[in-house]
Each structure stands twice: as structure tokens, then as C-alpha cells.
Amino acid sequence: LGLTVPDEFNSTEQWPNFIHPIRDQKHCGSCWAFGASEAFSDRLAIASKGKINAVLSPQHMVSCDWLNFGCDGGILYTAWLFLKFSGLPTDECDPYTAGAGDVASCNSKCA
């Protein structure tokens, strides 16, 4: 392809105002929800050049994505399907509460 790949790349240097901090899932197997929601939050900020710069809710995915298993794990592919077909509210609307391993019911006010 003739592409040159850099020896290193730091997205926080490339897009300093659009990469959100890494968050802690604590004692809940919600890495699938954090991975999807954080990647999408960052990509949305980058693609919109900061016009949309919100932290999206992994909790909403943990509680509402019935194709995955809440704190018992999930599959990134189905998490992306949930994002595509259901959307995702901000973390402000549905903050993360599953850190102790307890999954709250789906917050319909944010759905």
C-alpha cells in the first residue's frame, strides 16, 4: 500500500480536547460497554471537530443492552449493534453505578 506507519502514536497529542479520560469499571465485567462507549465518545468528538463532545453512558449499555450480559460480560460486536440501533445517552443522564457488580434496571428516561 505504500503507507508509512509511525513508530508511536498518541491520540491525546493528536486530538488533545477530544480524547476523554480512561475510566474504571471497578468490580463489574463491563469492559465491553466501556470499550464501545468510550471509543464512540472519542470518535464522535473527533469527527464533529468538538461540536459533539460528550461522554456517553456505559451504564446504559450495561442495564439496557439485552444482547449482552451486564456485569457478567459482553461482546463488542453486539455492543456496536446496540449503539447503532438504540443510540446512547450521555453519562450525565445515566451515570455509572454498576461498579459494585449490581446492575440497575434500564433507565427509560434516557432511552
C-alpha atoms as a PDB file:
ATOM      1  CA  LEU A   1       0.000   0.000   0.000  1.00  0.00           C
ATOM      2  CA  GLY A   2       2.975   2.298   0.351  1.00  0.00           C
ATOM      3  CA  LEU A   3       1.886   3.603   3.751  1.00  0.00           C
ATOM      4  CA  THR A   4       4.315   4.699   6.410  1.00  0.00           C
ATOM      5  CA  VAL A   5       3.355   3.725   9.933  1.00  0.00           C
ATOM      6  CA  PRO A   6       4.797   5.906  12.711  1.00  0.00           C
ATOM      7  CA  ASP A   7       6.884   4.276  15.447  1.00  0.00           C
ATOM      8  CA  GLU A   8       4.455   5.677  18.005  1.00  0.00           C
ATOM      9  CA  PHE A   9       1.131   7.476  18.099  1.00  0.00           C
ATOM     10  CA  ASN A  10      -0.629   9.195  20.992  1.00  0.00           C
ATOM     11  CA  SER A  11      -4.244  10.153  20.352  1.00  0.00           C
ATOM     12  CA  THR A  12      -4.233  12.600  23.286  1.00  0.00           C
ATOM     13  CA  GLU A  13      -1.492  14.552  21.500  1.00  0.00           C
ATOM     14  CA  GLN A  14      -3.214  14.354  18.110  1.00  0.00           C
ATOM     15  CA  TRP A  15      -6.642  15.400  19.461  1.00  0.00           C
ATOM     16  CA  PRO A  16      -5.971  16.910  22.928  1.00  0.00           C
ATOM     17  CA  ASN A  17      -9.506  18.203  23.507  1.00  0.00           C
ATOM     18  CA  PHE A  18     -11.397  15.233  22.095  1.00  0.00           C
ATOM     19  CA  ILE A  19      -9.980  12.175  23.892  1.00  0.00           C
ATOM     20  CA  HIS A  20     -11.803  11.547  27.141  1.00  0.00           C
ATOM     21  CA  PRO A  21     -10.109  10.140  30.266  1.00  0.00           C
ATOM     22  CA  ILE A  22      -9.916   6.380  30.740  1.00  0.00           C
ATOM     23  CA  ARG A  23     -12.466   5.239  33.319  1.00  0.00           C
ATOM     24  CA  ASP A  24     -12.592   2.400  35.854  1.00  0.00           C
ATOM     25  CA  GLN A  25     -15.262  -0.310  35.533  1.00  0.00           C
ATOM     26  CA  LYS A  26     -14.461  -1.411  39.107  1.00  0.00           C
ATOM     27  CA  HIS A  27     -15.934  -4.805  40.119  1.00  0.00           C
ATOM     28  CA  CYS A  28     -18.247  -5.204  37.125  1.00  0.00           C
ATOM     29  CA  GLY A  29     -17.360  -7.114  33.963  1.00  0.00           C
ATOM     30  CA  SER A  30     -18.452  -4.195  31.808  1.00  0.00           C
ATOM     31  CA  CYS A  31     -15.274  -3.727  29.770  1.00  0.00           C
ATOM     32  CA  TRP A  32     -17.342  -4.338  26.624  1.00  0.00           C
ATOM     33  CA  ALA A  33     -19.609  -1.367  27.480  1.00  0.00           C
ATOM     34  CA  PHE A  34     -16.721   0.913  28.439  1.00  0.00           C
ATOM     35  CA  GLY A  35     -14.777  -0.014  25.307  1.00  0.00           C
ATOM     36  CA  ALA A  36     -17.685   0.734  22.995  1.00  0.00           C
ATOM     37  CA  SER A  37     -19.000   3.869  24.729  1.00  0.00           C
ATOM     38  CA  GLU A  38     -15.564   5.440  25.228  1.00  0.00           C
ATOM     39  CA  ALA A  39     -14.380   4.720  21.692  1.00  0.00           C
ATOM     40  CA  PHE A  40     -17.620   6.123  20.275  1.00  0.00           C
ATOM     41  CA  SER A  41     -17.459   9.213  22.541  1.00  0.00           C
ATOM     42  CA  ASP A  42     -13.958   9.975  21.282  1.00  0.00           C
ATOM     43  CA  ARG A  43     -14.736   9.279  17.613  1.00  0.00           C
ATOM     44  CA  LEU A  44     -17.848  11.457  17.786  1.00  0.00           C
ATOM     45  CA  ALA A  45     -15.833  14.345  19.233  1.00  0.00           C
ATOM     46  CA  ILE A  46     -13.100  13.942  16.614  1.00  0.00           C
ATOM     47  CA  ALA A  47     -15.484  13.603  13.655  1.00  0.00           C
ATOM     48  CA  SER A  48     -17.562  16.619  14.726  1.00  0.00           C
ATOM     49  CA  LYS A  49     -14.419  18.671  15.469  1.00  0.00           C
ATOM     50  CA  GLY A  50     -15.646  19.088  19.043  1.00  0.00           C
ATOM     51  CA  LYS A  51     -19.198  20.194  18.264  1.00  0.00           C
ATOM     52  CA  ILE A  52     -20.367  16.987  19.969  1.00  0.00           C
ATOM     53  CA  ASN A  53     -18.017  16.348  22.869  1.00  0.00           C
ATOM     54  CA  ALA A  54     -19.945  14.304  25.420  1.00  0.00           C
ATOM     55  CA  VAL A  55     -19.055  11.266  27.491  1.00  0.00           C
ATOM     56  CA  LEU A  56     -21.554   8.557  26.560  1.00  0.00           C
ATOM     57  CA  SER A  57     -23.013   6.187  29.144  1.00  0.00           C
ATOM     58  CA  PRO A  58     -21.540   2.705  29.616  1.00  0.00           C
ATOM     59  CA  GLN A  59     -24.153   2.204  32.359  1.00  0.00           C
ATOM     60  CA  HIS A  60     -26.944   2.474  29.810  1.00  0.00           C
ATOM     61  CA  MET A  61     -25.370  -0.339  27.819  1.00  0.00           C
ATOM     62  CA  VAL A  62     -24.873  -2.473  30.955  1.00  0.00           C
ATOM     63  CA  SER A  63     -28.510  -2.017  32.008  1.00  0.00           C
ATOM     64  CA  CYS A  64     -30.326  -1.889  28.671  1.00  0.00           C
ATOM     65  CA  ASP A  65     -28.408  -3.979  26.118  1.00  0.00           C
ATOM     66  CA  TRP A  66     -30.214  -7.306  26.364  1.00  0.00           C
ATOM     67  CA  LEU A  67     -27.889  -8.878  23.760  1.00  0.00           C
ATOM     68  CA  ASN A  68     -25.064  -8.688  26.316  1.00  0.00           C
ATOM     69  CA  PHE A  69     -24.758  -9.801  29.928  1.00  0.00           C
ATOM     70  CA  GLY A  70     -24.383  -6.683  32.088  1.00  0.00           C
ATOM     71  CA  CYS A  71     -21.614  -7.163  34.665  1.00  0.00           C
ATOM     72  CA  ASP A  72     -21.116 -10.744  33.502  1.00  0.00           C
ATOM     73  CA  GLY A  73     -19.502  -9.635  30.258  1.00  0.00           C
ATOM     74  CA  GLY A  74     -20.463  -8.866  26.724  1.00  0.00           C
ATOM     75  CA  ILE A  75     -19.424  -8.967  23.106  1.00  0.00           C
ATOM     76  CA  LEU A  76     -18.112  -5.826  21.469  1.00  0.00           C
ATOM     77  CA  TYR A  77     -19.821  -6.612  18.162  1.00  0.00           C
ATOM     78  CA  THR A  78     -23.275  -6.718  19.786  1.00  0.00           C
ATOM     79  CA  ALA A  79     -22.415  -3.596  21.790  1.00  0.00           C
ATOM     80  CA  TRP A  80     -21.837  -1.808  18.457  1.00  0.00           C
ATOM     81  CA  LEU A  81     -25.181  -3.129  17.218  1.00  0.00           C
ATOM     82  CA  PHE A  82     -26.843  -1.690  20.328  1.00  0.00           C
ATOM     83  CA  LEU A  83     -25.210   1.680  19.646  1.00  0.00           C
ATOM     84  CA  LYS A  84     -26.310   1.588  16.016  1.00  0.00           C
ATOM     85  CA  PHE A  85     -29.949   0.710  16.632  1.00  0.00           C
ATOM     86  CA  SER A  86     -30.637   2.170  20.091  1.00  0.00           C
ATOM     87  CA  GLY A  87     -28.240   5.067  20.441  1.00  0.00           C
ATOM     88  CA  LEU A  88     -26.659   6.010  23.739  1.00  0.00           C
ATOM     89  CA  PRO A  89     -27.393   8.806  26.217  1.00  0.00           C
ATOM     90  CA  THR A  90     -24.738  10.828  27.961  1.00  0.00           C
ATOM     91  CA  ASP A  91     -23.115   9.713  31.170  1.00  0.00           C
ATOM     92  CA  GLU A  92     -24.702  12.754  32.791  1.00  0.00           C
ATOM     93  CA  CYS A  93     -28.178  11.351  32.074  1.00  0.00           C
ATOM     94  CA  ASP A  94     -27.334   7.755  33.056  1.00  0.00           C
ATOM     95  CA  PRO A  95     -24.190   7.744  35.256  1.00  0.00           C
ATOM     96  CA  TYR A  96     -22.207   4.608  36.009  1.00  0.00           C
ATOM     97  CA  THR A  97     -23.456   2.814  39.128  1.00  0.00           C
ATOM     98  CA  ALA A  98     -22.566  -0.828  38.417  1.00  0.00           C
ATOM     99  CA  GLY A  99     -19.073  -0.656  39.938  1.00  0.00           C
ATOM    100  CA  ALA A 100     -20.016  -2.977  42.815  1.00  0.00           C
ATOM    101  CA  GLY A 101     -21.324  -5.577  40.355  1.00  0.00           C
ATOM    102  CA  ASP A 102     -25.018  -4.749  40.749  1.00  0.00           C
ATOM    103  CA  VAL A 103     -26.874  -3.920  37.538  1.00  0.00           C
ATOM    104  CA  ALA A 104     -29.672  -1.358  37.787  1.00  0.00           C
ATOM    105  CA  SER A 105     -32.781  -1.699  35.643  1.00  0.00           C
ATOM    106  CA  CYS A 106     -32.808   0.123  32.324  1.00  0.00           C
ATOM    107  CA  ASN A 107     -33.252   3.877  32.781  1.00  0.00           C
ATOM    108  CA  SER A 108     -36.072   4.601  30.337  1.00  0.00           C
ATOM    109  CA  LYS A 109     -35.884   8.387  30.821  1.00  0.00           C
ATOM    110  CA  CYS A 110     -32.598   8.278  28.933  1.00  0.00           C
ATOM    111  CA  ALA A 111     -33.598   5.681  26.343  1.00  0.00           C
END
